[in-house]
Amino acid sequence: MAIRALRQHAIAFTPHLYDWEPRGGTAASAAALGVDEHEVVKTLIFEDEARSPLCVLMHGDREVSAKNLARFLGVKQVAPCAPEVADRHSGYQVGGTSPFGLRRAMPIYMERSITALPRMFVNGGARGFLVEISPADAVRALSPTLVDVATT
């Protein structure tokens, strides 16, 4: 679904395969590809208190401050979804979630500093598969709301 969405939006991408490691996260994928973990962007599925899903794009070497995200959204709380719930919302398996081609339409939030990267590596819709794209292309295709909710 992700590759179909990238092609639909005429986004140039370079595919990168690597050996996926359970619990390896972005550190493992960055090491496998020989790139800075800061350029590897993780796709996280959260829910608000009404259990409405939202997608957050964050640098691999940063975490999302749920408190700051909730404050930005004007809700009491947001939290990452359990893996099986995230799978149902996104249509992807956790570890292979892409912001492109999500099963359910949901708001997408992107950490603002991602837009300053020369390139980003984001999941292409399967475990062990990242696509290298321009952050500007991601913004054009996803129309995310830019946020400042990163913690180290």
N, C-alpha and C. Protein backbone atom coordinates (compact mmCIF):
# COMPACT_ATOMS: atom_id res chain seq x y z
N MET A 1 0.82 -1.20 0.00
CA MET A 1 0.00 0.00 0.00
C MET A 1 0.86 1.26 0.00
N ALA A 2 1.97 1.22 0.76
CA ALA A 2 2.82 2.41 0.86
C ALA A 2 3.46 2.75 -0.48
N ILE A 3 3.98 1.75 -1.17
CA ILE A 3 4.63 2.02 -2.46
C ILE A 3 3.61 2.53 -3.47
N ARG A 4 2.43 1.97 -3.44
CA ARG A 4 1.36 2.44 -4.32
C ARG A 4 1.07 3.92 -4.04
N ALA A 5 1.00 4.30 -2.76
CA ALA A 5 0.73 5.69 -2.39
C ALA A 5 1.88 6.60 -2.81
N LEU A 6 3.13 6.15 -2.66
CA LEU A 6 4.27 6.96 -3.09
C LEU A 6 4.21 7.20 -4.59
N ARG A 7 3.91 6.17 -5.34
CA ARG A 7 3.81 6.32 -6.80
C ARG A 7 2.64 7.20 -7.19
N GLN A 8 1.53 7.07 -6.49
CA GLN A 8 0.35 7.90 -6.77
C GLN A 8 0.66 9.38 -6.60
N HIS A 9 1.52 9.70 -5.61
CA HIS A 9 1.91 11.09 -5.36
C HIS A 9 3.16 11.50 -6.12
N ALA A 10 3.63 10.64 -7.02
CA ALA A 10 4.83 10.90 -7.83
C ALA A 10 6.04 11.25 -6.97
N ILE A 11 6.23 10.48 -5.91
CA ILE A 11 7.36 10.70 -5.01
C ILE A 11 8.51 9.79 -5.41
N ALA A 12 9.65 10.40 -5.70
CA ALA A 12 10.85 9.62 -6.00
C ALA A 12 11.35 9.01 -4.70
N PHE A 13 11.67 7.72 -4.74
CA PHE A 13 12.15 7.05 -3.54
C PHE A 13 13.22 6.03 -3.91
N THR A 14 14.08 5.77 -2.94
CA THR A 14 15.09 4.73 -3.07
C THR A 14 14.76 3.66 -2.03
N PRO A 15 14.50 2.42 -2.46
CA PRO A 15 14.18 1.36 -1.50
C PRO A 15 15.45 0.83 -0.81
N HIS A 16 15.31 0.47 0.45
CA HIS A 16 16.42 -0.10 1.22
C HIS A 16 15.90 -1.28 2.02
N LEU A 17 16.43 -2.46 1.75
CA LEU A 17 16.09 -3.66 2.51
C LEU A 17 17.17 -3.92 3.55
N TYR A 18 16.79 -4.45 4.69
CA TYR A 18 17.74 -4.82 5.74
C TYR A 18 17.12 -5.97 6.54
N ASP A 19 17.95 -6.65 7.31
CA ASP A 19 17.45 -7.73 8.15
C ASP A 19 16.80 -7.14 9.39
N TRP A 20 15.48 -7.26 9.45
CA TRP A 20 14.72 -6.70 10.57
C TRP A 20 15.00 -7.49 11.84
N GLU A 21 15.16 -6.76 12.94
CA GLU A 21 15.39 -7.38 14.24
C GLU A 21 14.24 -7.02 15.17
N PRO A 22 13.60 -8.02 15.77
CA PRO A 22 12.57 -7.71 16.77
C PRO A 22 13.18 -6.84 17.87
N ARG A 23 12.51 -5.80 18.24
CA ARG A 23 12.95 -4.85 19.27
C ARG A 23 14.23 -4.10 18.90
N GLY A 24 14.65 -4.18 17.64
CA GLY A 24 15.86 -3.48 17.21
C GLY A 24 15.62 -2.01 16.96
N GLY A 25 14.38 -1.67 16.56
CA GLY A 25 14.01 -0.29 16.34
C GLY A 25 14.85 0.43 15.31
N THR A 26 14.84 1.74 15.42
CA THR A 26 15.55 2.56 14.44
C THR A 26 17.06 2.48 14.59
N ALA A 27 17.54 2.12 15.77
CA ALA A 27 18.99 1.97 15.95
C ALA A 27 19.50 0.83 15.06
N ALA A 28 18.77 -0.26 15.03
CA ALA A 28 19.17 -1.42 14.22
C ALA A 28 19.07 -1.11 12.73
N SER A 29 17.99 -0.45 12.31
CA SER A 29 17.83 -0.15 10.89
C SER A 29 18.87 0.87 10.43
N ALA A 30 19.15 1.88 11.26
CA ALA A 30 20.17 2.87 10.91
C ALA A 30 21.55 2.21 10.79
N ALA A 31 21.87 1.33 11.73
CA ALA A 31 23.16 0.63 11.68
C ALA A 31 23.25 -0.25 10.44
N ALA A 32 22.16 -0.96 10.13
CA ALA A 32 22.16 -1.85 8.96
C ALA A 32 22.35 -1.08 7.66
N LEU A 33 21.79 0.13 7.59
CA LEU A 33 21.89 0.93 6.37
C LEU A 33 23.10 1.88 6.39
N GLY A 34 23.76 2.00 7.54
CA GLY A 34 24.92 2.89 7.64
C GLY A 34 24.55 4.35 7.57
N VAL A 35 23.39 4.71 8.18
CA VAL A 35 22.93 6.11 8.16
C VAL A 35 22.74 6.59 9.60
N ASP A 36 22.63 7.89 9.76
CA ASP A 36 22.40 8.49 11.06
C ASP A 36 20.98 8.16 11.52
N GLU A 37 20.85 7.70 12.76
CA GLU A 37 19.53 7.34 13.29
C GLU A 37 18.58 8.54 13.30
N HIS A 38 19.12 9.74 13.36
CA HIS A 38 18.29 10.95 13.34
C HIS A 38 17.51 11.07 12.03
N GLU A 39 18.06 10.51 10.93
CA GLU A 39 17.40 10.56 9.62
C GLU A 39 16.38 9.43 9.42
N VAL A 40 16.40 8.45 10.30
CA VAL A 40 15.42 7.37 10.23
C VAL A 40 14.19 7.84 11.00
N VAL A 41 13.08 7.91 10.31
CA VAL A 41 11.86 8.47 10.89
C VAL A 41 10.89 7.33 11.21
N LYS A 42 10.51 7.26 12.48
CA LYS A 42 9.57 6.21 12.87
C LYS A 42 8.14 6.71 12.75
N THR A 43 7.27 5.77 12.42
CA THR A 43 5.84 6.03 12.27
C THR A 43 5.14 5.41 13.47
N LEU A 44 4.56 6.25 14.30
CA LEU A 44 3.94 5.80 15.54
C LEU A 44 2.44 6.06 15.49
N ILE A 45 1.67 5.10 15.96
CA ILE A 45 0.22 5.26 16.01
C ILE A 45 -0.18 5.46 17.47
N PHE A 46 -0.80 6.58 17.73
CA PHE A 46 -1.29 6.96 19.06
C PHE A 46 -2.81 6.98 19.04
N GLU A 47 -3.41 7.04 20.23
CA GLU A 47 -4.84 7.28 20.38
C GLU A 47 -5.03 8.38 21.42
N ASP A 48 -6.11 9.17 21.22
CA ASP A 48 -6.46 10.14 22.24
C ASP A 48 -7.45 9.49 23.21
N GLU A 49 -7.97 10.27 24.16
CA GLU A 49 -8.85 9.67 25.17
C GLU A 49 -10.16 9.16 24.58
N ALA A 50 -10.53 9.63 23.39
CA ALA A 50 -11.73 9.13 22.71
C ALA A 50 -11.41 7.90 21.86
N ARG A 51 -10.18 7.42 21.95
CA ARG A 51 -9.68 6.27 21.21
C ARG A 51 -9.61 6.51 19.71
N SER A 52 -9.53 7.79 19.35
CA SER A 52 -9.35 8.15 17.94
C SER A 52 -7.87 8.06 17.61
N PRO A 53 -7.52 7.41 16.49
CA PRO A 53 -6.11 7.24 16.16
C PRO A 53 -5.50 8.48 15.54
N LEU A 54 -4.19 8.60 15.72
CA LEU A 54 -3.42 9.64 15.06
C LEU A 54 -2.03 9.08 14.81
N CYS A 55 -1.40 9.59 13.78
CA CYS A 55 -0.09 9.11 13.35
C CYS A 55 0.93 10.20 13.66
N VAL A 56 2.06 9.78 14.25
CA VAL A 56 3.12 10.73 14.59
C VAL A 56 4.42 10.27 13.94
N LEU A 57 5.07 11.17 13.21
CA LEU A 57 6.37 10.90 12.61
C LEU A 57 7.44 11.56 13.46
N MET A 58 8.40 10.75 13.91
CA MET A 58 9.41 11.25 14.84
C MET A 58 10.79 10.72 14.44
N HIS A 59 11.82 11.52 14.69
CA HIS A 59 13.20 11.09 14.48
C HIS A 59 13.43 9.79 15.25
N GLY A 60 14.24 8.92 14.67
CA GLY A 60 14.52 7.64 15.31
C GLY A 60 15.22 7.76 16.65
N ASP A 61 16.01 8.81 16.84
CA ASP A 61 16.76 8.97 18.08
C ASP A 61 16.05 9.88 19.09
N ARG A 62 14.78 10.12 18.87
CA ARG A 62 13.98 10.95 19.78
C ARG A 62 12.71 10.19 20.16
N GLU A 63 12.10 10.64 21.24
CA GLU A 63 10.82 10.08 21.68
C GLU A 63 9.75 11.16 21.57
N VAL A 64 8.51 10.74 21.55
CA VAL A 64 7.38 11.67 21.54
C VAL A 64 7.00 11.96 22.98
N SER A 65 6.91 13.23 23.33
CA SER A 65 6.36 13.61 24.63
C SER A 65 4.84 13.58 24.50
N ALA A 66 4.22 12.53 25.05
CA ALA A 66 2.77 12.39 24.97
C ALA A 66 2.08 13.57 25.66
N LYS A 67 2.69 14.05 26.72
CA LYS A 67 2.13 15.19 27.45
C LYS A 67 2.10 16.44 26.57
N ASN A 68 3.21 16.72 25.88
CA ASN A 68 3.26 17.89 25.01
C ASN A 68 2.35 17.73 23.79
N LEU A 69 2.26 16.51 23.26
CA LEU A 69 1.37 16.27 22.13
C LEU A 69 -0.09 16.48 22.55
N ALA A 70 -0.46 15.96 23.72
CA ALA A 70 -1.83 16.15 24.22
C ALA A 70 -2.13 17.63 24.42
N ARG A 71 -1.16 18.34 24.98
CA ARG A 71 -1.34 19.79 25.20
C ARG A 71 -1.54 20.49 23.85
N PHE A 72 -0.73 20.14 22.85
CA PHE A 72 -0.85 20.73 21.51
C PHE A 72 -2.24 20.44 20.93
N LEU A 73 -2.73 19.21 21.11
CA LEU A 73 -4.02 18.81 20.55
C LEU A 73 -5.21 19.33 21.36
N GLY A 74 -4.95 19.80 22.57
CA GLY A 74 -6.03 20.28 23.42
C GLY A 74 -6.87 19.14 24.00
N VAL A 75 -6.22 18.01 24.26
CA VAL A 75 -6.91 16.87 24.87
C VAL A 75 -6.22 16.53 26.18
N LYS A 76 -6.89 15.73 27.01
CA LYS A 76 -6.32 15.38 28.31
C LYS A 76 -5.12 14.46 28.18
N GLN A 77 -5.22 13.49 27.26
CA GLN A 77 -4.09 12.57 27.12
C GLN A 77 -4.08 11.90 25.76
N VAL A 78 -2.90 11.52 25.36
CA VAL A 78 -2.69 10.65 24.19
C VAL A 78 -1.70 9.58 24.64
N ALA A 79 -1.78 8.44 24.00
CA ALA A 79 -0.86 7.35 24.35
C ALA A 79 -0.62 6.49 23.13
N PRO A 80 0.56 5.87 23.05
CA PRO A 80 0.80 4.94 21.96
C PRO A 80 -0.20 3.78 22.04
N CYS A 81 -0.61 3.30 20.90
CA CYS A 81 -1.53 2.16 20.85
C CYS A 81 -0.79 0.87 21.17
N ALA A 82 -1.52 -0.09 21.70
CA ALA A 82 -0.99 -1.45 21.81
C ALA A 82 -0.72 -1.93 20.39
N PRO A 83 0.26 -2.80 20.20
CA PRO A 83 0.60 -3.23 18.84
C PRO A 83 -0.58 -3.75 18.02
N GLU A 84 -1.44 -4.56 18.61
CA GLU A 84 -2.56 -5.10 17.83
C GLU A 84 -3.57 -4.01 17.46
N VAL A 85 -3.71 -3.00 18.29
CA VAL A 85 -4.61 -1.88 17.98
C VAL A 85 -3.99 -1.02 16.88
N ALA A 86 -2.70 -0.76 16.99
CA ALA A 86 -1.99 0.01 15.95
C ALA A 86 -2.10 -0.69 14.61
N ASP A 87 -1.96 -2.02 14.61
CA ASP A 87 -2.09 -2.80 13.37
C ASP A 87 -3.47 -2.61 12.74
N ARG A 88 -4.51 -2.65 13.57
CA ARG A 88 -5.88 -2.48 13.05
C ARG A 88 -6.09 -1.08 12.48
N HIS A 89 -5.59 -0.07 13.18
CA HIS A 89 -5.76 1.31 12.70
C HIS A 89 -5.00 1.56 11.40
N SER A 90 -3.76 1.08 11.33
CA SER A 90 -2.88 1.45 10.21
C SER A 90 -2.98 0.51 9.02
N GLY A 91 -3.31 -0.75 9.28
CA GLY A 91 -3.30 -1.75 8.21
C GLY A 91 -1.92 -2.35 8.01
N TYR A 92 -0.97 -1.94 8.84
CA TYR A 92 0.40 -2.46 8.78
C TYR A 92 0.72 -3.18 10.08
N GLN A 93 1.73 -4.03 10.01
CA GLN A 93 2.23 -4.71 11.19
C GLN A 93 3.22 -3.79 11.89
N VAL A 94 3.14 -3.68 13.22
CA VAL A 94 4.08 -2.86 13.97
C VAL A 94 5.50 -3.31 13.61
N GLY A 95 6.36 -2.34 13.36
CA GLY A 95 7.70 -2.62 12.86
C GLY A 95 7.76 -2.44 11.35
N GLY A 96 6.59 -2.31 10.74
CA GLY A 96 6.50 -2.12 9.29
C GLY A 96 5.48 -1.05 8.94
N THR A 97 5.14 -0.19 9.90
CA THR A 97 4.11 0.83 9.69
C THR A 97 4.65 1.99 8.88
N SER A 98 3.96 2.31 7.81
CA SER A 98 4.31 3.45 6.97
C SER A 98 3.23 4.52 7.11
N PRO A 99 3.60 5.80 7.01
CA PRO A 99 2.57 6.84 7.02
C PRO A 99 1.84 6.92 5.68
N PHE A 100 2.37 6.25 4.67
CA PHE A 100 1.77 6.25 3.34
C PHE A 100 0.85 5.05 3.19
N GLY A 101 -0.37 5.28 2.73
CA GLY A 101 -1.30 4.18 2.50
C GLY A 101 -1.91 3.62 3.77
N LEU A 102 -2.12 4.45 4.77
CA LEU A 102 -2.75 3.98 6.00
C LEU A 102 -4.16 3.46 5.71
N ARG A 103 -4.54 2.40 6.40
CA ARG A 103 -5.88 1.81 6.21
C ARG A 103 -6.98 2.80 6.58
N ARG A 104 -6.83 3.45 7.74
CA ARG A 104 -7.82 4.42 8.22
C ARG A 104 -7.27 5.82 8.04
N ALA A 105 -8.11 6.70 7.55
CA ALA A 105 -7.70 8.11 7.49
C ALA A 105 -7.56 8.61 8.92
N MET A 106 -6.45 9.26 9.20
CA MET A 106 -6.22 9.81 10.53
C MET A 106 -5.30 11.01 10.41
N PRO A 107 -5.35 11.91 11.36
CA PRO A 107 -4.44 13.05 11.31
C PRO A 107 -2.99 12.59 11.43
N ILE A 108 -2.13 13.27 10.72
CA ILE A 108 -0.70 12.95 10.76
C ILE A 108 0.05 14.16 11.30
N TYR A 109 0.90 13.91 12.28
CA TYR A 109 1.72 14.94 12.90
C TYR A 109 3.18 14.60 12.66
N MET A 110 3.95 15.58 12.26
CA MET A 110 5.37 15.37 11.97
C MET A 110 6.20 16.33 12.82
N GLU A 111 7.22 15.79 13.47
CA GLU A 111 8.14 16.64 14.21
C GLU A 111 8.74 17.65 13.23
N ARG A 112 8.64 18.92 13.56
CA ARG A 112 9.01 20.01 12.66
C ARG A 112 10.45 19.89 12.13
N SER A 113 11.38 19.47 12.96
CA SER A 113 12.78 19.43 12.54
C SER A 113 13.06 18.37 11.47
N ILE A 114 12.14 17.45 11.24
CA ILE A 114 12.31 16.47 10.16
C ILE A 114 12.36 17.19 8.82
N THR A 115 11.62 18.27 8.69
CA THR A 115 11.58 19.00 7.41
C THR A 115 12.93 19.61 7.05
N ALA A 116 13.83 19.77 8.02
CA ALA A 116 15.14 20.35 7.76
C ALA A 116 16.17 19.31 7.31
N LEU A 117 15.81 18.04 7.37
CA LEU A 117 16.74 16.99 6.96
C LEU A 117 16.94 17.01 5.45
N PRO A 118 18.13 16.64 4.96
CA PRO A 118 18.34 16.56 3.52
C PRO A 118 17.60 15.36 2.92
N ARG A 119 17.40 14.33 3.75
CA ARG A 119 16.69 13.12 3.32
C ARG A 119 16.14 12.46 4.58
N MET A 120 15.17 11.58 4.36
CA MET A 120 14.65 10.82 5.49
C MET A 120 14.43 9.39 5.04
N PHE A 121 14.55 8.48 5.98
CA PHE A 121 14.31 7.07 5.74
C PHE A 121 13.07 6.71 6.55
N VAL A 122 12.02 6.30 5.87
CA VAL A 122 10.76 5.99 6.54
C VAL A 122 10.30 4.61 6.08
N ASN A 123 9.51 3.96 6.90
CA ASN A 123 9.10 2.60 6.58
C ASN A 123 8.31 2.55 5.28
N GLY A 124 8.61 1.55 4.49
CA GLY A 124 7.95 1.36 3.19
C GLY A 124 6.79 0.39 3.24
N GLY A 125 6.35 0.02 4.45
CA GLY A 125 5.16 -0.82 4.57
C GLY A 125 5.42 -2.25 4.97
N ALA A 126 6.67 -2.59 5.29
CA ALA A 126 6.99 -3.95 5.73
C ALA A 126 8.20 -3.91 6.65
N ARG A 127 8.27 -4.88 7.53
CA ARG A 127 9.44 -4.98 8.39
C ARG A 127 10.68 -5.22 7.52
N GLY A 128 11.75 -4.48 7.82
CA GLY A 128 12.98 -4.64 7.06
C GLY A 128 13.00 -3.91 5.73
N PHE A 129 12.12 -2.92 5.57
CA PHE A 129 12.03 -2.19 4.31
C PHE A 129 11.81 -0.71 4.57
N LEU A 130 12.84 0.10 4.30
CA LEU A 130 12.72 1.55 4.42
C LEU A 130 12.83 2.18 3.04
N VAL A 131 12.19 3.32 2.87
CA VAL A 131 12.35 4.09 1.64
C VAL A 131 13.00 5.42 1.99
N GLU A 132 13.93 5.81 1.15
CA GLU A 132 14.62 7.09 1.30
C GLU A 132 13.90 8.10 0.42
N ILE A 133 13.41 9.17 1.05
CA ILE A 133 12.66 10.20 0.32
C ILE A 133 13.07 11.58 0.82
N SER A 134 12.62 12.57 0.11
CA SER A 134 12.81 13.95 0.53
C SER A 134 11.73 14.30 1.56
N PRO A 135 12.10 14.95 2.67
CA PRO A 135 11.08 15.39 3.62
C PRO A 135 10.04 16.31 2.97
N ALA A 136 10.46 17.11 2.00
CA ALA A 136 9.51 18.00 1.31
C ALA A 136 8.45 17.19 0.58
N ASP A 137 8.84 16.06 -0.01
CA ASP A 137 7.86 15.19 -0.68
C ASP A 137 6.90 14.58 0.33
N ALA A 138 7.41 14.20 1.50
CA ALA A 138 6.54 13.65 2.54
C ALA A 138 5.51 14.69 2.97
N VAL A 139 5.95 15.92 3.14
CA VAL A 139 5.03 17.00 3.54
C VAL A 139 3.98 17.22 2.45
N ARG A 140 4.43 17.22 1.20
CA ARG A 140 3.49 17.43 0.08
C ARG A 140 2.44 16.32 0.03
N ALA A 141 2.84 15.08 0.21
CA ALA A 141 1.92 13.96 0.08
C ALA A 141 1.04 13.75 1.31
N LEU A 142 1.59 13.98 2.49
CA LEU A 142 0.87 13.66 3.72
C LEU A 142 0.13 14.85 4.33
N SER A 143 0.53 16.06 3.98
CA SER A 143 -0.02 17.28 4.59
C SER A 143 -0.07 17.18 6.11
N PRO A 144 1.06 16.86 6.73
CA PRO A 144 1.05 16.69 8.18
C PRO A 144 0.99 18.04 8.90
N THR A 145 0.53 17.99 10.13
CA THR A 145 0.63 19.14 11.01
C THR A 145 2.01 19.07 11.65
N LEU A 146 2.78 20.15 11.54
CA LEU A 146 4.12 20.16 12.12
C LEU A 146 4.03 20.49 13.61
N VAL A 147 4.76 19.70 14.40
CA VAL A 147 4.72 19.85 15.87
C VAL A 147 6.13 19.85 16.43
N ASP A 148 6.25 20.32 17.66
CA ASP A 148 7.50 20.29 18.40
C ASP A 148 7.24 19.51 19.69
N VAL A 149 7.30 18.19 19.60
CA VAL A 149 6.96 17.34 20.75
C VAL A 149 8.03 16.29 21.04
N ALA A 150 9.25 16.52 20.55
CA ALA A 150 10.33 15.54 20.73
C ALA A 150 10.99 15.68 22.09
N THR A 151 11.41 14.55 22.63
CA THR A 151 12.28 14.52 23.79
C THR A 151 13.44 13.60 23.42
N THR A 152 14.54 13.72 24.14
CA THR A 152 15.69 12.85 23.83
C THR A 152 15.71 11.63 24.72
